[in-house]
């Protein structure tokens, strides 16, 4: 059975274009990771600044292996904390 990880990221309106640009230009390494199945970036609903980053994995072990590896670190470098709103968690897995 697959597992889903959803990260909720608050991005101020003035930084949303740059945030989306970073996802469009991402290296795409996660797609090559063993156990990776799917990715979606969901835009905020009207009246909120919260994006949802949805990933699906074949198992918790596959996700944990990616999260603890160098590919995860490379995918998350480059100013993400500058784009997320002050005082909000950068990501919260569910």
C-alpha atoms as a PDB file:
ATOM      1  CA  UNK A   1       0.000   0.000   0.000  1.00  0.00           C
ATOM      2  CA  UNK A   2       1.264   3.495  -0.853  1.00  0.00           C
ATOM      3  CA  UNK A   3       1.775   6.252   1.692  1.00  0.00           C
ATOM      4  CA  UNK A   4       1.215   9.971   1.184  1.00  0.00           C
ATOM      5  CA  UNK A   5       3.217  12.850   2.651  1.00  0.00           C
ATOM      6  CA  UNK A   6       1.658  16.311   2.586  1.00  0.00           C
ATOM      7  CA  UNK A   7       3.699  19.358   3.521  1.00  0.00           C
ATOM      8  CA  UNK A   8       1.746  22.515   4.278  1.00  0.00           C
ATOM      9  CA  UNK A   9       3.811  25.603   3.493  1.00  0.00           C
ATOM     10  CA  UNK A  10       2.649  29.171   4.097  1.00  0.00           C
ATOM     11  CA  UNK A  11       4.052  31.509   1.441  1.00  0.00           C
ATOM     12  CA  UNK A  12       3.261  35.249   1.498  1.00  0.00           C
ATOM     13  CA  UNK A  13       1.452  36.493  -1.607  1.00  0.00           C
ATOM     14  CA  UNK A  14       4.412  38.620  -2.714  1.00  0.00           C
ATOM     15  CA  UNK A  15       6.639  35.506  -2.821  1.00  0.00           C
ATOM     16  CA  UNK A  16       4.266  32.991  -4.392  1.00  0.00           C
ATOM     17  CA  UNK A  17       5.448  33.491  -7.988  1.00  0.00           C
ATOM     18  CA  UNK A  18       9.056  32.797  -6.952  1.00  0.00           C
ATOM     19  CA  UNK A  19       7.972  29.798  -4.885  1.00  0.00           C
ATOM     20  CA  UNK A  20       6.148  28.258  -7.860  1.00  0.00           C
ATOM     21  CA  UNK A  21       9.107  29.048 -10.131  1.00  0.00           C
ATOM     22  CA  UNK A  22      11.409  27.091  -7.803  1.00  0.00           C
ATOM     23  CA  UNK A  23       9.149  24.048  -8.092  1.00  0.00           C
ATOM     24  CA  UNK A  24       8.941  24.331 -11.894  1.00  0.00           C
ATOM     25  CA  UNK A  25      12.725  24.523 -12.086  1.00  0.00           C
ATOM     26  CA  UNK A  26      13.490  21.831  -9.527  1.00  0.00           C
ATOM     27  CA  UNK A  27      16.073  19.260 -10.494  1.00  0.00           C
ATOM     28  CA  UNK A  28      13.515  16.447 -10.611  1.00  0.00           C
ATOM     29  CA  UNK A  29      15.737  14.077  -8.672  1.00  0.00           C
ATOM     30  CA  UNK A  30      12.877  12.921  -6.457  1.00  0.00           C
ATOM     31  CA  UNK A  31      11.223  11.315  -9.494  1.00  0.00           C
ATOM     32  CA  UNK A  32      14.294   9.075  -9.891  1.00  0.00           C
ATOM     33  CA  UNK A  33      14.207   7.936  -6.263  1.00  0.00           C
ATOM     34  CA  UNK A  34      13.405   4.282  -5.555  1.00  0.00           C
ATOM     35  CA  UNK A  35       9.880   4.032  -4.177  1.00  0.00           C
ATOM     36  CA  UNK A  36       8.712   7.451  -5.402  1.00  0.00           C
ATOM     37  CA  UNK A  37       5.297   7.365  -7.113  1.00  0.00           C
ATOM     38  CA  UNK A  38       3.801  10.859  -7.525  1.00  0.00           C
ATOM     39  CA  UNK A  39       4.201  14.595  -6.840  1.00  0.00           C
ATOM     40  CA  UNK A  40       1.776  17.544  -6.929  1.00  0.00           C
ATOM     41  CA  UNK A  41       2.080  21.177  -5.843  1.00  0.00           C
ATOM     42  CA  UNK A  42      -1.371  22.440  -4.883  1.00  0.00           C
ATOM     43  CA  UNK A  43      -1.959  26.190  -4.915  1.00  0.00           C
ATOM     44  CA  UNK A  44      -3.664  27.988  -2.037  1.00  0.00           C
ATOM     45  CA  UNK A  45      -7.415  28.383  -2.016  1.00  0.00           C
ATOM     46  CA  UNK A  46      -8.748  31.909  -2.211  1.00  0.00           C
ATOM     47  CA  UNK A  47      -8.179  33.630   1.103  1.00  0.00           C
ATOM     48  CA  UNK A  48      -5.183  31.572   2.239  1.00  0.00           C
ATOM     49  CA  UNK A  49      -1.414  31.580   1.629  1.00  0.00           C
ATOM     50  CA  UNK A  50      -0.943  27.842   2.265  1.00  0.00           C
ATOM     51  CA  UNK A  51       0.460  25.567  -0.439  1.00  0.00           C
ATOM     52  CA  UNK A  52       0.251  21.791  -0.161  1.00  0.00           C
ATOM     53  CA  UNK A  53       3.133  19.677  -1.438  1.00  0.00           C
ATOM     54  CA  UNK A  54       1.780  16.176  -2.049  1.00  0.00           C
ATOM     55  CA  UNK A  55       4.092  13.208  -2.570  1.00  0.00           C
ATOM     56  CA  UNK A  56       3.190   9.520  -2.757  1.00  0.00           C
ATOM     57  CA  UNK A  57       5.649   6.738  -1.927  1.00  0.00           C
ATOM     58  CA  UNK A  58       5.481   2.961  -2.181  1.00  0.00           C
ATOM     59  CA  UNK A  59       6.365   2.663   1.532  1.00  0.00           C
ATOM     60  CA  UNK A  60       7.334   4.642   4.625  1.00  0.00           C
ATOM     61  CA  UNK A  61      10.806   3.114   4.301  1.00  0.00           C
ATOM     62  CA  UNK A  62      11.213   4.521   0.769  1.00  0.00           C
ATOM     63  CA  UNK A  63      10.224   7.989   1.973  1.00  0.00           C
ATOM     64  CA  UNK A  64      12.522   7.801   5.004  1.00  0.00           C
ATOM     65  CA  UNK A  65      15.441   6.687   2.815  1.00  0.00           C
ATOM     66  CA  UNK A  66      14.917   9.721   0.545  1.00  0.00           C
ATOM     67  CA  UNK A  67      14.412  12.135   3.446  1.00  0.00           C
ATOM     68  CA  UNK A  68      17.630  11.044   5.157  1.00  0.00           C
ATOM     69  CA  UNK A  69      19.697  11.111   1.951  1.00  0.00           C
ATOM     70  CA  UNK A  70      21.669  13.703   0.033  1.00  0.00           C
ATOM     71  CA  UNK A  71      19.003  14.043  -2.672  1.00  0.00           C
ATOM     72  CA  UNK A  72      16.591  15.434  -0.055  1.00  0.00           C
ATOM     73  CA  UNK A  73      19.173  17.979   1.091  1.00  0.00           C
ATOM     74  CA  UNK A  74      19.844  19.084  -2.505  1.00  0.00           C
ATOM     75  CA  UNK A  75      16.125  19.363  -3.264  1.00  0.00           C
ATOM     76  CA  UNK A  76      15.571  21.636  -0.259  1.00  0.00           C
ATOM     77  CA  UNK A  77      18.523  24.002  -0.531  1.00  0.00           C
ATOM     78  CA  UNK A  78      18.269  27.431  -2.062  1.00  0.00           C
ATOM     79  CA  UNK A  79      16.266  29.844   0.025  1.00  0.00           C
ATOM     80  CA  UNK A  80      13.105  28.010   0.962  1.00  0.00           C
ATOM     81  CA  UNK A  81      13.030  29.648   4.370  1.00  0.00           C
ATOM     82  CA  UNK A  82      13.190  33.048   2.666  1.00  0.00           C
ATOM     83  CA  UNK A  83      10.009  32.194   0.763  1.00  0.00           C
ATOM     84  CA  UNK A  84       8.001  30.721   3.635  1.00  0.00           C
ATOM     85  CA  UNK A  85       6.199  33.144   5.884  1.00  0.00           C
ATOM     86  CA  UNK A  86       7.850  34.305   9.081  1.00  0.00           C
ATOM     87  CA  UNK A  87       6.730  32.308  12.078  1.00  0.00           C
ATOM     88  CA  UNK A  88       5.221  29.515  10.025  1.00  0.00           C
ATOM     89  CA  UNK A  89       6.643  26.018   9.852  1.00  0.00           C
ATOM     90  CA  UNK A  90       8.491  25.407   6.591  1.00  0.00           C
ATOM     91  CA  UNK A  91       6.865  22.007   6.288  1.00  0.00           C
ATOM     92  CA  UNK A  92       4.694  19.708   8.340  1.00  0.00           C
ATOM     93  CA  UNK A  93       4.326  16.120   7.170  1.00  0.00           C
ATOM     94  CA  UNK A  94       0.992  14.445   7.556  1.00  0.00           C
END
